[in-house]
Amino acid sequence: MPSWIDPLWASLIIGAFLVGSIPFSFLIGLAKGVDIRTVGSKNTGATNLGRALGGRYFALGFTLDMLKGLAPTLTAGILKGTLGTFEMPTADAWGWLAVLAAAVLGHMFSPWIGFRGGKGVATGLGALLGVFPALALPGLGAFVVFMGVFLLWKYVSSASIVAACSLPIWVWLAFGQARRLAQTRAMGDLRPETVEAAEALRAQAAAPIDPIPFTAVAVVLAALVVWRHRANIQRLMAGTEHRVGAQPPATGG
């Protein structure tokens, strides 16, 4: 049986979906007497919560959504021994990434509120940070992109879309750097006598670092975020998207 479908991986994936499906922003809204499914964009994520109740509630919803992505992937990394390294069996990489995907999908399609949910940005960021360092470093890079675009244009949606689309690039860059560091370390530890031996050592050092699973999941995650923002894209093109700090348009955001 492949390691990524062993009972522990299966439990971690199911648990990640259930944790990710907790609709924190929706519950916070209900606690304050507001059903955020009926206001603004009718989305159940932190951004719509903030529009309904204010910035501090956005911060609370965003933090809780991020933590419900972070907790499952961090727990999986600790229990499966994949935390803290780029070098792991490909099957374990896929298992860890399945935990990440389950948390994000749970947030996007929560069974507790009719398989509705948020757009996955906060939960996705938390889940990325838990896959340390393979996706935590790219996640931080994407967050820098998010902040840059947001500060420039004040649109949460456009910042989320651009940041998500940058994620596969950050992943590829991170794994490229990790591969080079592994090669340098191997060449420093062992001094080959021939060019052929040097090439063999270089290939051996790079072999455990497989970027394909992580890059593939980054592409899928970016596509999901863009798809969940399709209505925002239409409003951006029409000039009716809500800009932070401005009065919300009549169509919501």
Protein backbone atom coordinates (compact mmCIF):
# COMPACT_ATOMS: atom_id res chain seq x y z
CA MET A 1 0.00 0.00 0.00
CA PRO A 2 1.43 3.43 -0.93
CA SER A 3 2.36 5.42 2.17
CA TRP A 4 0.08 8.32 1.29
CA ILE A 5 -3.02 6.12 1.61
CA ASP A 6 -1.99 4.40 4.81
CA PRO A 7 -4.47 4.75 7.70
CA LEU A 8 -2.63 7.70 9.24
CA TRP A 9 -2.55 9.65 5.98
CA ALA A 10 -6.23 8.87 5.41
CA SER A 11 -7.11 10.09 8.91
CA LEU A 12 -5.07 13.25 8.44
CA ILE A 13 -6.77 14.03 5.12
CA ILE A 14 -10.27 13.52 6.52
CA GLY A 15 -9.40 15.51 9.61
CA ALA A 16 -8.02 18.34 7.46
CA PHE A 17 -11.27 18.57 5.51
CA LEU A 18 -13.34 18.66 8.69
CA VAL A 19 -11.14 21.30 10.33
CA GLY A 20 -11.08 23.35 7.13
CA SER A 21 -14.86 23.16 6.85
CA ILE A 22 -15.48 25.02 10.13
CA PRO A 23 -17.12 28.27 8.87
CA PHE A 24 -15.56 30.64 11.38
CA SER A 25 -16.53 33.87 9.63
CA PHE A 26 -20.12 32.70 9.23
CA LEU A 27 -20.28 31.73 12.91
CA ILE A 28 -18.79 35.06 14.00
CA GLY A 29 -21.39 36.84 11.91
CA LEU A 30 -24.21 34.85 13.49
CA ALA A 31 -22.85 35.64 16.96
CA LYS A 32 -23.15 39.33 16.06
CA GLY A 33 -26.64 38.88 14.63
CA VAL A 34 -25.62 38.99 10.95
CA ASP A 35 -25.97 36.19 8.40
CA ILE A 36 -23.15 37.13 6.03
CA ARG A 37 -24.69 34.87 3.38
CA THR A 38 -27.32 37.60 2.90
CA VAL A 39 -25.13 40.73 2.80
CA GLY A 40 -22.41 42.14 0.57
CA SER A 41 -21.06 39.49 -1.78
CA LYS A 42 -22.93 36.80 0.21
CA ASN A 43 -19.60 35.04 0.59
CA THR A 44 -18.84 33.34 3.91
CA GLY A 45 -15.19 34.33 4.07
CA ALA A 46 -13.34 36.90 6.17
CA THR A 47 -13.47 39.66 3.56
CA ASN A 48 -17.26 39.72 3.48
CA LEU A 49 -17.34 39.46 7.27
CA GLY A 50 -15.15 42.56 7.45
CA ARG A 51 -17.43 44.44 5.10
CA ALA A 52 -20.41 43.58 7.24
CA LEU A 53 -18.92 44.14 10.71
CA GLY A 54 -15.67 46.06 10.33
CA GLY A 55 -11.94 45.60 10.12
CA ARG A 56 -11.34 43.93 13.48
CA TYR A 57 -13.80 41.18 12.58
CA PHE A 58 -12.06 40.72 9.24
CA ALA A 59 -8.79 40.29 11.15
CA LEU A 60 -10.39 37.76 13.50
CA GLY A 61 -12.01 35.78 10.68
CA PHE A 62 -8.83 35.84 8.58
CA THR A 63 -6.69 34.64 11.50
CA LEU A 64 -9.04 31.77 12.36
CA ASP A 65 -9.32 30.75 8.70
CA MET A 66 -5.53 30.80 8.39
CA LEU A 67 -5.10 28.69 11.54
CA LYS A 68 -7.53 26.04 10.31
CA GLY A 69 -5.30 25.64 7.26
CA LEU A 70 -2.08 25.71 9.27
CA ALA A 71 -3.08 23.19 11.96
CA PRO A 72 -3.73 20.16 9.69
CA THR A 73 -0.63 20.52 7.50
CA LEU A 74 1.65 21.28 10.45
CA THR A 75 0.26 18.29 12.37
CA ALA A 76 0.72 16.03 9.34
CA GLY A 77 4.32 17.17 8.89
CA ILE A 78 5.12 16.45 12.53
CA LEU A 79 3.43 13.04 12.63
CA LYS A 80 4.84 11.84 9.30
CA GLY A 81 8.34 13.26 9.78
CA THR A 82 8.23 15.47 6.67
CA LEU A 83 8.44 18.81 8.50
CA GLY A 84 11.59 20.84 8.01
CA THR A 85 12.98 19.31 4.83
CA PHE A 86 12.60 19.43 1.07
CA GLU A 87 13.81 15.83 0.82
CA MET A 88 11.08 13.24 1.24
CA PRO A 89 9.63 10.27 -0.68
CA THR A 90 7.33 11.41 -3.48
CA ALA A 91 4.46 9.38 -2.03
CA ASP A 92 4.75 11.23 1.29
CA ALA A 93 4.88 14.53 -0.60
CA TRP A 94 1.57 13.70 -2.28
CA GLY A 95 0.07 12.68 1.05
CA TRP A 96 1.10 15.95 2.68
CA LEU A 97 -0.25 17.90 -0.26
CA ALA A 98 -3.53 15.99 -0.06
CA VAL A 99 -3.87 17.22 3.54
CA LEU A 100 -3.30 20.78 2.30
CA ALA A 101 -5.87 20.39 -0.46
CA ALA A 102 -8.42 18.85 1.92
CA ALA A 103 -8.20 21.80 4.30
CA VAL A 104 -8.68 24.33 1.49
CA LEU A 105 -11.53 22.38 -0.11
CA GLY A 106 -13.22 22.05 3.28
CA HIS A 107 -13.15 25.84 3.58
CA MET A 108 -14.43 26.38 0.05
CA PHE A 109 -17.17 23.73 0.22
CA SER A 110 -18.22 23.45 3.86
CA PRO A 111 -20.88 20.73 4.31
CA TRP A 112 -22.20 22.58 7.38
CA ILE A 113 -23.50 25.50 5.28
CA GLY A 114 -24.71 23.75 2.15
CA PHE A 115 -21.27 23.18 0.60
CA ARG A 116 -20.69 26.89 0.37
CA GLY A 117 -17.64 28.68 1.72
CA GLY A 118 -14.96 31.30 1.32
CA LYS A 119 -12.47 31.76 -1.47
CA GLY A 120 -9.60 29.92 0.16
CA VAL A 121 -7.00 32.68 0.44
CA ALA A 122 -6.54 32.75 4.24
CA THR A 123 -6.93 28.98 4.66
CA GLY A 124 -4.62 28.38 1.72
CA LEU A 125 -1.96 30.66 3.19
CA GLY A 126 -2.12 28.87 6.53
CA ALA A 127 -1.94 25.47 4.85
CA LEU A 128 1.08 26.57 2.82
CA LEU A 129 2.89 27.78 5.92
CA GLY A 130 2.36 24.38 7.55
CA VAL A 131 4.17 22.60 4.69
CA PHE A 132 7.52 23.88 5.93
CA PRO A 133 9.78 24.72 4.17
CA ALA A 134 8.68 23.36 0.80
CA LEU A 135 5.58 25.56 0.52
CA ALA A 136 6.00 27.88 3.50
CA LEU A 137 8.71 29.87 1.73
CA PRO A 138 6.70 30.15 -1.52
CA GLY A 139 3.64 31.04 0.57
CA LEU A 140 5.53 33.92 2.15
CA GLY A 141 6.63 35.05 -1.31
CA ALA A 142 3.03 35.01 -2.51
CA PHE A 143 2.01 36.96 0.59
CA VAL A 144 4.56 39.66 -0.26
CA VAL A 145 3.02 39.84 -3.74
CA PHE A 146 -0.44 40.09 -2.17
CA MET A 147 0.59 42.99 0.05
CA GLY A 148 2.32 44.80 -2.82
CA VAL A 149 -0.71 44.56 -5.14
CA PHE A 150 -3.13 45.41 -2.33
CA LEU A 151 -1.21 48.49 -1.21
CA LEU A 152 -1.00 49.63 -4.83
CA TRP A 153 -4.65 49.20 -5.85
CA LYS A 154 -6.59 48.52 -2.60
CA TYR A 155 -8.50 45.59 -4.08
CA VAL A 156 -8.42 42.41 -1.96
CA SER A 157 -9.65 40.36 -4.91
CA SER A 158 -6.98 41.46 -7.39
CA ALA A 159 -4.27 41.05 -4.75
CA SER A 160 -5.52 37.51 -4.01
CA ILE A 161 -5.61 36.57 -7.70
CA VAL A 162 -2.14 37.91 -8.53
CA ALA A 163 -0.62 36.35 -5.40
CA ALA A 164 -2.19 32.97 -6.17
CA CYS A 165 -0.91 33.06 -9.74
CA SER A 166 2.60 33.84 -8.50
CA LEU A 167 2.65 30.80 -6.20
CA PRO A 168 3.82 28.17 -8.76
CA ILE A 169 6.71 30.46 -9.71
CA TRP A 170 7.76 30.80 -6.08
CA VAL A 171 7.56 27.03 -5.64
CA TRP A 172 9.78 26.39 -8.64
CA LEU A 173 12.30 28.97 -7.46
CA ALA A 174 12.37 27.55 -3.92
CA PHE A 175 12.98 24.00 -5.11
CA GLY A 176 15.61 25.17 -7.57
CA GLN A 177 17.50 26.84 -4.74
CA ALA A 178 17.11 23.77 -2.52
CA ARG A 179 18.47 21.57 -5.31
CA ARG A 180 21.51 23.82 -5.76
CA LEU A 181 22.20 23.83 -2.02
CA ALA A 182 21.99 20.02 -1.91
CA GLN A 183 24.41 19.73 -4.81
CA THR A 184 26.86 22.16 -3.18
CA ARG A 185 26.68 20.26 0.10
CA ALA A 186 27.29 16.91 -1.59
CA MET A 187 30.21 18.23 -3.62
CA GLY A 188 31.72 19.74 -0.48
CA ASP A 189 31.39 16.56 1.54
CA LEU A 190 32.76 14.26 -1.16
CA ARG A 191 35.52 15.19 -3.58
CA PRO A 192 35.01 13.16 -6.79
CA GLU A 193 38.08 12.18 -8.80
CA THR A 194 36.47 12.36 -12.25
CA VAL A 195 33.88 14.47 -14.08
CA GLU A 196 31.62 11.41 -14.33
CA ALA A 197 31.76 10.90 -10.57
CA ALA A 198 30.96 14.56 -10.02
CA GLU A 199 27.90 14.33 -12.26
CA ALA A 200 26.75 11.18 -10.46
CA LEU A 201 27.05 12.87 -7.10
CA ARG A 202 25.20 15.92 -8.38
CA ALA A 203 22.33 13.77 -9.68
CA GLN A 204 22.21 11.79 -6.44
CA ALA A 205 22.04 14.97 -4.37
CA ALA A 206 19.19 16.36 -6.49
CA ALA A 207 17.16 13.18 -6.74
CA PRO A 208 15.24 13.35 -3.44
CA ILE A 209 14.09 16.93 -4.16
CA ASP A 210 11.13 16.50 -6.51
CA PRO A 211 9.33 19.78 -7.27
CA ILE A 212 6.64 18.27 -9.48
CA PRO A 213 4.03 17.36 -6.80
CA PHE A 214 4.41 20.73 -5.08
CA THR A 215 4.36 22.71 -8.32
CA ALA A 216 1.32 20.79 -9.58
CA VAL A 217 -0.62 21.46 -6.38
CA ALA A 218 0.41 25.12 -6.48
CA VAL A 219 -1.00 25.39 -10.00
CA VAL A 220 -4.27 23.72 -8.97
CA LEU A 221 -4.54 25.90 -5.87
CA ALA A 222 -3.97 29.04 -7.95
CA ALA A 223 -6.61 27.92 -10.45
CA LEU A 224 -9.11 27.30 -7.64
CA VAL A 225 -8.52 30.75 -6.16
CA VAL A 226 -8.96 32.40 -9.56
CA TRP A 227 -12.12 30.38 -10.22
CA ARG A 228 -13.58 31.35 -6.84
CA HIS A 229 -12.92 34.99 -7.72
CA ARG A 230 -14.64 34.85 -11.13
CA ALA A 231 -17.42 37.21 -10.00
CA ASN A 232 -14.81 39.62 -8.64
CA ILE A 233 -13.02 39.52 -11.99
CA GLN A 234 -16.25 40.52 -13.72
CA ARG A 235 -16.72 43.41 -11.29
CA LEU A 236 -13.10 44.50 -11.73
CA MET A 237 -13.62 44.61 -15.48
CA ALA A 238 -16.89 46.54 -15.02
CA GLY A 239 -15.32 48.97 -12.53
CA THR A 240 -17.79 48.04 -9.75
CA GLU A 241 -15.50 46.00 -7.50
CA HIS A 242 -15.26 47.20 -3.89
CA ARG A 243 -12.05 49.03 -3.07
CA VAL A 244 -10.92 48.89 0.56
CA GLY A 245 -11.52 52.27 2.18
CA ALA A 246 -14.23 53.23 -0.32
CA GLN A 247 -18.00 52.99 0.03
CA PRO A 248 -19.11 49.50 -1.15
CA PRO A 249 -20.97 49.54 -4.48
CA ALA A 250 -24.60 48.53 -4.58
CA THR A 251 -23.74 45.17 -6.14
CA GLY A 252 -21.60 44.07 -3.18
CA GLY A 253 -18.08 42.69 -3.41
